[in-house]
PDB file of N, CA and C in Angstrom:
ATOM      1  N   MET A   1      84.453  15.224   5.336  1.00  0.00           N
ATOM      2  CA  MET A   1      84.865  14.326   4.286  1.00  0.00           C
ATOM      3  C   MET A   1      84.655  15.015   2.940  1.00  0.00           C
ATOM      4  N   THR A   2      85.612  14.886   2.073  1.00  0.00           N
ATOM      5  CA  THR A   2      85.501  15.496   0.757  1.00  0.00           C
ATOM      6  C   THR A   2      85.032  14.473  -0.258  1.00  0.00           C
ATOM      7  N   ALA A   3      84.604  14.971  -1.403  1.00  0.00           N
ATOM      8  CA  ALA A   3      84.157  14.078  -2.471  1.00  0.00           C
ATOM      9  C   ALA A   3      85.303  13.182  -2.930  1.00  0.00           C
ATOM     10  N   ALA A   4      86.530  13.722  -2.945  1.00  0.00           N
ATOM     11  CA  ALA A   4      87.677  12.924  -3.375  1.00  0.00           C
ATOM     12  C   ALA A   4      87.916  11.763  -2.417  1.00  0.00           C
ATOM     13  N   ASN A   5      87.765  12.006  -1.132  1.00  0.00           N
ATOM     14  CA  ASN A   5      87.949  10.939  -0.155  1.00  0.00           C
ATOM     15  C   ASN A   5      86.818   9.927  -0.205  1.00  0.00           C
ATOM     16  N   ASP A   6      85.632  10.373  -0.582  1.00  0.00           N
ATOM     17  CA  ASP A   6      84.464   9.512  -0.628  1.00  0.00           C
ATOM     18  C   ASP A   6      84.399   8.713  -1.928  1.00  0.00           C
ATOM     19  N   GLY A   7      85.214   9.056  -2.899  1.00  0.00           N
ATOM     20  CA  GLY A   7      85.225   8.348  -4.168  1.00  0.00           C
ATOM     21  C   GLY A   7      84.170   8.842  -5.144  1.00  0.00           C
ATOM     22  N   ALA A   8      83.522   9.958  -4.863  1.00  0.00           N
ATOM     23  CA  ALA A   8      82.505  10.503  -5.766  1.00  0.00           C
ATOM     24  C   ALA A   8      83.187  11.246  -6.914  1.00  0.00           C
ATOM     25  N   PRO A   9      82.653  11.102  -8.123  1.00  0.00           N
ATOM     26  CA  PRO A   9      83.210  11.868  -9.245  1.00  0.00           C
ATOM     27  C   PRO A   9      83.001  13.368  -9.028  1.00  0.00           C
ATOM     28  N   PHE A  10      83.895  14.152  -9.597  1.00  0.00           N
ATOM     29  CA  PHE A  10      83.821  15.600  -9.433  1.00  0.00           C
ATOM     30  C   PHE A  10      82.474  16.149  -9.891  1.00  0.00           C
ATOM     31  N   GLU A  11      81.957  15.650 -11.013  1.00  0.00           N
ATOM     32  CA  GLU A  11      80.701  16.163 -11.553  1.00  0.00           C
ATOM     33  C   GLU A  11      79.557  15.992 -10.560  1.00  0.00           C
ATOM     34  N   GLU A  12      79.502  14.832  -9.902  1.00  0.00           N
ATOM     35  CA  GLU A  12      78.446  14.591  -8.922  1.00  0.00           C
ATOM     36  C   GLU A  12      78.602  15.505  -7.712  1.00  0.00           C
ATOM     37  N   ALA A  13      79.826  15.659  -7.244  1.00  0.00           N
ATOM     38  CA  ALA A  13      80.073  16.530  -6.090  1.00  0.00           C
ATOM     39  C   ALA A  13      79.744  17.980  -6.429  1.00  0.00           C
ATOM     40  N   HIS A  14      80.123  18.412  -7.615  1.00  0.00           N
ATOM     41  CA  HIS A  14      79.856  19.775  -8.055  1.00  0.00           C
ATOM     42  C   HIS A  14      78.355  20.026  -8.128  1.00  0.00           C
ATOM     43  N   THR A  15      77.621  19.112  -8.720  1.00  0.00           N
ATOM     44  CA  THR A  15      76.177  19.258  -8.850  1.00  0.00           C
ATOM     45  C   THR A  15      75.492  19.211  -7.493  1.00  0.00           C
ATOM     46  N   ALA A  16      75.930  18.321  -6.633  1.00  0.00           N
ATOM     47  CA  ALA A  16      75.336  18.211  -5.298  1.00  0.00           C
ATOM     48  C   ALA A  16      75.577  19.493  -4.502  1.00  0.00           C
ATOM     49  N   THR A  17      76.742  20.096  -4.653  1.00  0.00           N
ATOM     50  CA  THR A  17      77.033  21.345  -3.957  1.00  0.00           C
ATOM     51  C   THR A  17      76.109  22.453  -4.452  1.00  0.00           C
ATOM     52  N   TRP A  18      75.877  22.523  -5.764  1.00  0.00           N
ATOM     53  CA  TRP A  18      74.956  23.518  -6.291  1.00  0.00           C
ATOM     54  C   TRP A  18      73.544  23.280  -5.781  1.00  0.00           C
ATOM     55  N   LYS A  19      73.139  22.019  -5.659  1.00  0.00           N
ATOM     56  CA  LYS A  19      71.803  21.710  -5.143  1.00  0.00           C
ATOM     57  C   LYS A  19      71.684  22.168  -3.692  1.00  0.00           C
ATOM     58  N   LEU A  20      72.699  21.933  -2.881  1.00  0.00           N
ATOM     59  CA  LEU A  20      72.692  22.416  -1.500  1.00  0.00           C
ATOM     60  C   LEU A  20      72.612  23.937  -1.458  1.00  0.00           C
ATOM     61  N   TYR A  21      73.331  24.586  -2.368  1.00  0.00           N
ATOM     62  CA  TYR A  21      73.285  26.045  -2.462  1.00  0.00           C
ATOM     63  C   TYR A  21      71.871  26.504  -2.823  1.00  0.00           C
ATOM     64  N   GLU A  22      71.283  25.843  -3.805  1.00  0.00           N
ATOM     65  CA  GLU A  22      69.944  26.208  -4.268  1.00  0.00           C
ATOM     66  C   GLU A  22      68.903  26.040  -3.162  1.00  0.00           C
ATOM     67  N   LEU A  23      69.052  25.021  -2.333  1.00  0.00           N
ATOM     68  CA  LEU A  23      68.105  24.752  -1.252  1.00  0.00           C
ATOM     69  C   LEU A  23      68.339  25.611  -0.013  1.00  0.00           C
ATOM     70  N   GLY A  24      69.424  26.385  -0.006  1.00  0.00           N
ATOM     71  CA  GLY A  24      69.695  27.279   1.115  1.00  0.00           C
ATOM     72  C   GLY A  24      70.549  26.669   2.209  1.00  0.00           C
ATOM     73  N   HIS A  25      71.107  25.490   1.989  1.00  0.00           N
ATOM     74  CA  HIS A  25      71.980  24.875   2.982  1.00  0.00           C
ATOM     75  C   HIS A  25      73.355  25.534   2.994  1.00  0.00           C
ATOM     76  N   LEU A  26      73.702  26.219   1.895  1.00  0.00           N
ATOM     77  CA  LEU A  26      74.981  26.921   1.778  1.00  0.00           C
ATOM     78  C   LEU A  26      74.733  28.345   1.321  1.00  0.00           C
ATOM     79  N   LYS A  27      75.577  29.260   1.773  1.00  0.00           N
ATOM     80  CA  LYS A  27      75.501  30.633   1.295  1.00  0.00           C
ATOM     81  C   LYS A  27      76.903  31.153   1.033  1.00  0.00           C
ATOM     82  N   LEU A  28      76.984  32.092   0.094  1.00  0.00           N
ATOM     83  CA  LEU A  28      78.249  32.742  -0.221  1.00  0.00           C
ATOM     84  C   LEU A  28      78.420  33.941   0.690  1.00  0.00           C
ATOM     85  N   VAL A  29      79.615  34.082   1.247  1.00  0.00           N
ATOM     86  CA  VAL A  29      79.906  35.174   2.174  1.00  0.00           C
ATOM     87  C   VAL A  29      81.168  35.883   1.692  1.00  0.00           C
ATOM     88  N   GLY A  30      81.083  37.203   1.551  1.00  0.00           N
ATOM     89  CA  GLY A  30      82.240  37.986   1.158  1.00  0.00           C
ATOM     90  C   GLY A  30      83.138  38.234   2.356  1.00  0.00           C
ATOM     91  N   GLU A  31      84.410  37.931   2.192  1.00  0.00           N
ATOM     92  CA  GLU A  31      85.405  38.165   3.242  1.00  0.00           C
ATOM     93  C   GLU A  31      86.541  38.962   2.630  1.00  0.00           C
ATOM     94  N   GLY A  32      86.383  40.266   2.660  1.00  0.00           N
ATOM     95  CA  GLY A  32      87.404  41.117   2.060  1.00  0.00           C
ATOM     96  C   GLY A  32      87.407  40.983   0.554  1.00  0.00           C
ATOM     97  N   ASP A  33      88.500  40.475   0.008  1.00  0.00           N
ATOM     98  CA  ASP A  33      88.630  40.353  -1.442  1.00  0.00           C
ATOM     99  C   ASP A  33      88.344  38.946  -1.958  1.00  0.00           C
ATOM    100  N   ARG A  34      87.712  38.108  -1.137  1.00  0.00           N
ATOM    101  CA  ARG A  34      87.421  36.756  -1.590  1.00  0.00           C
ATOM    102  C   ARG A  34      86.048  36.299  -1.084  1.00  0.00           C
ATOM    103  N   LEU A  35      85.550  35.238  -1.669  1.00  0.00           N
ATOM    104  CA  LEU A  35      84.285  34.641  -1.259  1.00  0.00           C
ATOM    105  C   LEU A  35      84.543  33.331  -0.538  1.00  0.00           C
ATOM    106  N   SER A  36      83.702  33.040   0.428  1.00  0.00           N
ATOM    107  CA  SER A  36      83.756  31.726   1.068  1.00  0.00           C
ATOM    108  C   SER A  36      82.337  31.201   1.172  1.00  0.00           C
ATOM    109  N   VAL A  37      82.214  29.943   1.520  1.00  0.00           N
ATOM    110  CA  VAL A  37      80.920  29.283   1.630  1.00  0.00           C
ATOM    111  C   VAL A  37      80.667  28.959   3.087  1.00  0.00           C
ATOM    112  N   ARG A  38      79.479  29.274   3.560  1.00  0.00           N
ATOM    113  CA  ARG A  38      79.076  28.985   4.939  1.00  0.00           C
ATOM    114  C   ARG A  38      77.852  28.078   4.933  1.00  0.00           C
ATOM    115  N   ALA A  39      77.767  27.201   5.904  1.00  0.00           N
ATOM    116  CA  ALA A  39      76.599  26.332   6.055  1.00  0.00           C
ATOM    117  C   ALA A  39      75.504  27.067   6.811  1.00  0.00           C
ATOM    118  N   CYS A  40      74.267  26.818   6.429  1.00  0.00           N
ATOM    119  CA  CYS A  40      73.103  27.376   7.118  1.00  0.00           C
ATOM    120  C   CYS A  40      72.422  26.231   7.861  1.00  0.00           C
ATOM    121  N   ILE A  41      72.211  26.394   9.158  1.00  0.00           N
ATOM    122  CA  ILE A  41      71.697  25.317   9.989  1.00  0.00           C
ATOM    123  C   ILE A  41      70.198  25.442  10.239  1.00  0.00           C
ATOM    124  N   ALA A  42      69.748  26.592  10.686  1.00  0.00           N
ATOM    125  CA  ALA A  42      68.352  26.780  11.081  1.00  0.00           C
ATOM    126  C   ALA A  42      67.431  26.796   9.856  1.00  0.00           C
ATOM    127  N   PRO A  43      66.266  26.148   9.949  1.00  0.00           N
ATOM    128  CA  PRO A  43      65.330  26.125   8.817  1.00  0.00           C
ATOM    129  C   PRO A  43      64.910  27.522   8.335  1.00  0.00           C
ATOM    130  N   ALA A  44      64.686  28.444   9.246  1.00  0.00           N
ATOM    131  CA  ALA A  44      64.300  29.799   8.839  1.00  0.00           C
ATOM    132  C   ALA A  44      65.428  30.474   8.059  1.00  0.00           C
ATOM    133  N   GLU A  45      66.658  30.260   8.508  1.00  0.00           N
ATOM    134  CA  GLU A  45      67.811  30.833   7.801  1.00  0.00           C
ATOM    135  C   GLU A  45      67.933  30.205   6.415  1.00  0.00           C
ATOM    136  N   ARG A  46      67.721  28.886   6.319  1.00  0.00           N
ATOM    137  CA  ARG A  46      67.791  28.211   5.021  1.00  0.00           C
ATOM    138  C   ARG A  46      66.777  28.770   4.032  1.00  0.00           C
ATOM    139  N   ARG A  47      65.544  29.002   4.512  1.00  0.00           N
ATOM    140  CA  ARG A  47      64.514  29.557   3.623  1.00  0.00           C
ATOM    141  C   ARG A  47      64.922  30.935   3.110  1.00  0.00           C
ATOM    142  N   ALA A  48      65.426  31.780   4.004  1.00  0.00           N
ATOM    143  CA  ALA A  48      65.846  33.132   3.608  1.00  0.00           C
ATOM    144  C   ALA A  48      67.024  33.076   2.638  1.00  0.00           C
ATOM    145  N   VAL A  49      67.982  32.212   2.907  1.00  0.00           N
ATOM    146  CA  VAL A  49      69.163  32.092   2.041  1.00  0.00           C
ATOM    147  C   VAL A  49      68.772  31.494   0.694  1.00  0.00           C
ATOM    148  N   ALA A  50      67.870  30.517   0.687  1.00  0.00           N
ATOM    149  CA  ALA A  50      67.409  29.928  -0.573  1.00  0.00           C
ATOM    150  C   ALA A  50      66.780  30.994  -1.461  1.00  0.00           C
ATOM    151  N   LYS A  51      66.041  31.899  -0.866  1.00  0.00           N
ATOM    152  CA  LYS A  51      65.418  32.988  -1.620  1.00  0.00           C
ATOM    153  C   LYS A  51      66.495  33.890  -2.221  1.00  0.00           C
ATOM    154  N   GLN A  52      67.539  34.186  -1.455  1.00  0.00           N
ATOM    155  CA  GLN A  52      68.644  35.013  -1.956  1.00  0.00           C
ATOM    156  C   GLN A  52      69.444  34.278  -3.031  1.00  0.00           C
ATOM    157  N   ASN A  53      69.586  32.966  -2.879  1.00  0.00           N
ATOM    158  CA  ASN A  53      70.401  32.173  -3.809  1.00  0.00           C
ATOM    159  C   ASN A  53      69.685  31.877  -5.122  1.00  0.00           C
ATOM    160  N   ARG A  54      68.378  32.043  -5.150  1.00  0.00           N
ATOM    161  CA  ARG A  54      67.566  31.631  -6.299  1.00  0.00           C
ATOM    162  C   ARG A  54      68.036  32.194  -7.638  1.00  0.00           C
ATOM    163  N   PRO A  55      68.358  33.487  -7.781  1.00  0.00           N
ATOM    164  CA  PRO A  55      68.767  33.991  -9.099  1.00  0.00           C
ATOM    165  C   PRO A  55      70.037  33.331  -9.638  1.00  0.00           C
ATOM    166  N   LEU A  56      71.048  33.176  -8.801  1.00  0.00           N
ATOM    167  CA  LEU A  56      72.291  32.547  -9.269  1.00  0.00           C
ATOM    168  C   LEU A  56      72.075  31.068  -9.557  1.00  0.00           C
ATOM    169  N   ALA A  57      71.297  30.389  -8.726  1.00  0.00           N
ATOM    170  CA  ALA A  57      71.007  28.972  -8.955  1.00  0.00           C
ATOM    171  C   ALA A  57      70.223  28.790 -10.252  1.00  0.00           C
ATOM    172  N   ALA A  58      69.279  29.681 -10.525  1.00  0.00           N
ATOM    173  CA  ALA A  58      68.502  29.596 -11.768  1.00  0.00           C
ATOM    174  C   ALA A  58      69.402  29.815 -12.981  1.00  0.00           C
ATOM    175  N   TYR A  59      70.323  30.758 -12.877  1.00  0.00           N
ATOM    176  CA  TYR A  59      71.274  30.982 -13.975  1.00  0.00           C
ATOM    177  C   TYR A  59      72.114  29.742 -14.222  1.00  0.00           C
ATOM    178  N   TRP A  60      72.607  29.123 -13.149  1.00  0.00           N
ATOM    179  CA  TRP A  60      73.419  27.912 -13.280  1.00  0.00           C
ATOM    180  C   TRP A  60      72.615  26.811 -13.958  1.00  0.00           C
ATOM    181  N   ARG A  61      71.375  26.632 -13.533  1.00  0.00           N
ATOM    182  CA  ARG A  61      70.514  25.611 -14.136  1.00  0.00           C
ATOM    183  C   ARG A  61      70.329  25.852 -15.629  1.00  0.00           C
ATOM    184  N   ARG A  62      70.064  27.108 -15.996  1.00  0.00           N
ATOM    185  CA  ARG A  62      69.852  27.416 -17.414  1.00  0.00           C
ATOM    186  C   ARG A  62      71.096  27.120 -18.231  1.00  0.00           C
ATOM    187  N   THR A  63      72.251  27.469 -17.720  1.00  0.00           N
ATOM    188  CA  THR A  63      73.468  27.276 -18.505  1.00  0.00           C
ATOM    189  C   THR A  63      73.869  25.809 -18.573  1.00  0.00           C
ATOM    190  N   VAL A  64      73.751  25.075 -17.477  1.00  0.00           N
ATOM    191  CA  VAL A  64      74.127  23.662 -17.481  1.00  0.00           C
ATOM    192  C   VAL A  64      73.152  22.849 -18.306  1.00  0.00           C
ATOM    193  N   PHE A  65      71.877  23.069 -18.109  1.00  0.00           N
ATOM    194  CA  PHE A  65      70.898  22.256 -18.822  1.00  0.00           C
ATOM    195  C   PHE A  65      70.715  22.700 -20.263  1.00  0.00           C
ATOM    196  N   ALA A  66      71.112  23.929 -20.576  1.00  0.00           N
ATOM    197  CA  ALA A  66      71.112  24.355 -21.971  1.00  0.00           C
ATOM    198  C   ALA A  66      72.153  23.566 -22.744  1.00  0.00           C
ATOM    199  N   ALA A  67      73.223  23.197 -22.078  1.00  0.00           N
ATOM    200  CA  ALA A  67      74.274  22.404 -22.725  1.00  0.00           C
ATOM    201  C   ALA A  67      73.742  21.026 -23.118  1.00  0.00           C
ATOM    202  N   ARG A  68      72.710  20.581 -22.438  1.00  0.00           N
ATOM    203  CA  ARG A  68      72.140  19.270 -22.754  1.00  0.00           C
ATOM    204  C   ARG A  68      71.508  19.263 -24.139  1.00  0.00           C
ATOM    205  N   TRP A  69      70.915  20.370 -24.536  1.00  0.00           N
ATOM    206  CA  TRP A  69      70.206  20.422 -25.820  1.00  0.00           C
ATOM    207  C   TRP A  69      71.070  20.982 -26.939  1.00  0.00           C
ATOM    208  N   GLY A  70      72.177  21.539 -26.614  1.00  0.00           N
ATOM    209  CA  GLY A  70      73.099  22.058 -27.611  1.00  0.00           C
ATOM    210  C   GLY A  70      74.489  21.978 -27.025  1.00  0.00           C
ATOM    211  N   GLY A  71      75.464  22.348 -27.766  1.00  0.00           N
ATOM    212  CA  GLY A  71      76.822  22.323 -27.241  1.00  0.00           C
ATOM    213  C   GLY A  71      77.540  21.037 -27.611  1.00  0.00           C
ATOM    214  N   THR A  72      78.693  20.865 -27.028  1.00  0.00           N
ATOM    215  CA  THR A  72      79.528  19.717 -27.360  1.00  0.00           C
ATOM    216  C   THR A  72      79.009  18.446 -26.699  1.00  0.00           C
ATOM    217  N   GLU A  73      79.516  17.326 -27.152  1.00  0.00           N
ATOM    218  CA  GLU A  73      79.131  16.039 -26.557  1.00  0.00           C
ATOM    219  C   GLU A  73      79.518  15.996 -25.076  1.00  0.00           C
ATOM    220  N   ARG A  74      80.663  16.556 -24.758  1.00  0.00           N
ATOM    221  CA  ARG A  74      81.120  16.578 -23.366  1.00  0.00           C
ATOM    222  C   ARG A  74      80.170  17.410 -22.495  1.00  0.00           C
ATOM    223  N   GLU A  75      79.714  18.554 -23.017  1.00  0.00           N
ATOM    224  CA  GLU A  75      78.776  19.389 -22.272  1.00  0.00           C
ATOM    225  C   GLU A  75      77.449  18.667 -22.062  1.00  0.00           C
ATOM    226  N   ARG A  76      76.965  17.973 -23.108  1.00  0.00           N
ATOM    227  CA  ARG A  76      75.714  17.220 -22.969  1.00  0.00           C
ATOM    228  C   ARG A  76      75.862  16.101 -21.955  1.00  0.00           C
ATOM    229  N   GLU A  77      77.012  15.423 -21.967  1.00  0.00           N
ATOM    230  CA  GLU A  77      77.256  14.347 -21.020  1.00  0.00           C
ATOM    231  C   GLU A  77      77.312  14.900 -19.584  1.00  0.00           C
ATOM    232  N   ALA A  78      77.955  16.044 -19.391  1.00  0.00           N
ATOM    233  CA  ALA A  78      78.030  16.660 -18.069  1.00  0.00           C
ATOM    234  C   ALA A  78      76.639  17.076 -17.591  1.00  0.00           C
ATOM    235  N   ALA A  79      75.808  17.574 -18.493  1.00  0.00           N
ATOM    236  CA  ALA A  79      74.453  17.989 -18.120  1.00  0.00           C
ATOM    237  C   ALA A  79      73.612  16.797 -17.692  1.00  0.00           C
ATOM    238  N   SER A  80      73.729  15.668 -18.389  1.00  0.00           N
ATOM    239  CA  SER A  80      72.933  14.501 -18.001  1.00  0.00           C
ATOM    240  C   SER A  80      73.421  13.934 -16.674  1.00  0.00           C
ATOM    241  N   THR A  81      74.727  13.975 -16.424  1.00  0.00           N
ATOM    242  CA  THR A  81      75.267  13.541 -15.138  1.00  0.00           C
ATOM    243  C   THR A  81      74.799  14.468 -14.029  1.00  0.00           C
ATOM    244  N   ALA A  82      74.786  15.764 -14.310  1.00  0.00           N
ATOM    245  CA  ALA A  82      74.351  16.743 -13.322  1.00  0.00           C
ATOM    246  C   ALA A  82      72.890  16.543 -12.961  1.00  0.00           C
ATOM    247  N   GLU A  83      72.057  16.271 -13.952  1.00  0.00           N
ATOM    248  CA  GLU A  83      70.632  16.077 -13.692  1.00  0.00           C
ATOM    249  C   GLU A  83      70.414  14.837 -12.829  1.00  0.00           C
ATOM    250  N   ALA A  84      71.121  13.747 -13.118  1.00  0.00           N
ATOM    251  CA  ALA A  84      70.985  12.528 -12.323  1.00  0.00           C
ATOM    252  C   ALA A  84      71.444  12.757 -10.887  1.00  0.00           C
ATOM    253  N   ALA A  85      72.518  13.480 -10.711  1.00  0.00           N
ATOM    254  CA  ALA A  85      73.021  13.759  -9.363  1.00  0.00           C
ATOM    255  C   ALA A  85      72.046  14.635  -8.590  1.00  0.00           C
ATOM    256  N   MET A  86      71.405  15.595  -9.264  1.00  0.00           N
ATOM    257  CA  MET A  86      70.448  16.463  -8.580  1.00  0.00           C
ATOM    258  C   MET A  86      69.225  15.674  -8.127  1.00  0.00           C
ATOM    259  N   VAL A  87      68.817  14.684  -8.911  1.00  0.00           N
ATOM    260  CA  VAL A  87      67.702  13.829  -8.504  1.00  0.00           C
ATOM    261  C   VAL A  87      68.095  13.046  -7.262  1.00  0.00           C
ATOM    262  N   ASN A  88      69.330  12.540  -7.213  1.00  0.00           N
ATOM    263  CA  ASN A  88      69.807  11.794  -6.051  1.00  0.00           C
ATOM    264  C   ASN A  88      69.859  12.673  -4.811  1.00  0.00           C
ATOM    265  N   VAL A  89      70.326  13.905  -4.951  1.00  0.00           N
ATOM    266  CA  VAL A  89      70.401  14.813  -3.818  1.00  0.00           C
ATOM    267  C   VAL A  89      69.011  15.164  -3.328  1.00  0.00           C
ATOM    268  N   ALA A  90      68.082  15.393  -4.245  1.00  0.00           N
ATOM    269  CA  ALA A  90      66.712  15.722  -3.857  1.00  0.00           C
ATOM    270  C   ALA A  90      66.080  14.553  -3.111  1.00  0.00           C
ATOM    271  N   ALA A  91      66.339  13.333  -3.547  1.00  0.00           N
ATOM    272  CA  ALA A  91      65.796  12.167  -2.868  1.00  0.00           C
ATOM    273  C   ALA A  91      66.373  12.054  -1.460  1.00  0.00           C
ATOM    274  N   CYS A  92      67.655  12.310  -1.308  1.00  0.00           N
ATOM    275  CA  CYS A  92      68.292  12.274   0.006  1.00  0.00           C
ATOM    276  C   CYS A  92      67.726  13.382   0.898  1.00  0.00           C
ATOM    277  N   ASP A  93      67.495  14.554   0.319  1.00  0.00           N
ATOM    278  CA  ASP A  93      66.948  15.669   1.090  1.00  0.00           C
ATOM    279  C   ASP A  93      65.519  15.352   1.553  1.00  0.00           C
ATOM    280  N   ASN A  94      64.720  14.720   0.672  1.00  0.00           N
ATOM    281  CA  ASN A  94      63.359  14.332   1.059  1.00  0.00           C
ATOM    282  C   ASN A  94      63.392  13.274   2.155  1.00  0.00           C
ATOM    283  N   PHE A  95      64.318  12.335   2.079  1.00  0.00           N
ATOM    284  CA  PHE A  95      64.437  11.296   3.078  1.00  0.00           C
ATOM    285  C   PHE A  95      64.837  11.893   4.419  1.00  0.00           C
ATOM    286  N   ALA A  96      65.778  12.850   4.401  1.00  0.00           N
ATOM    287  CA  ALA A  96      66.264  13.463   5.638  1.00  0.00           C
ATOM    288  C   ALA A  96      65.189  14.305   6.313  1.00  0.00           C
ATOM    289  N   SER A  97      64.260  14.859   5.548  1.00  0.00           N
ATOM    290  CA  SER A  97      63.234  15.713   6.134  1.00  0.00           C
ATOM    291  C   SER A  97      62.063  14.927   6.702  1.00  0.00           C
ATOM    292  N   THR A  98      62.026  13.613   6.493  1.00  0.00           N
ATOM    293  CA  THR A  98      60.925  12.809   7.043  1.00  0.00           C
ATOM    294  C   THR A  98      61.245  12.288   8.399  1.00  0.00           C
TER     295      THR A  98
END
């Protein structure tokens, strides 16, 4: 199911995807001249992928949340939406792990 089919706004889906990437549930895989995204299933694989994903995820966080304190009104609004969506994803992830 896609975010469009689920009725979720693009900003929430985009932020949730980055959160999954940051947690190691998704990894980028080079396939010739393009990149694709693969799901990571095993907990050990997720931990290893999360470690690899950390630099890019940290860069994304700095750039998105920097827009919250400076930048255009639209950028600040997107940053606050992104932060709220990340809290929701983290809560769902904590619930799923119990």
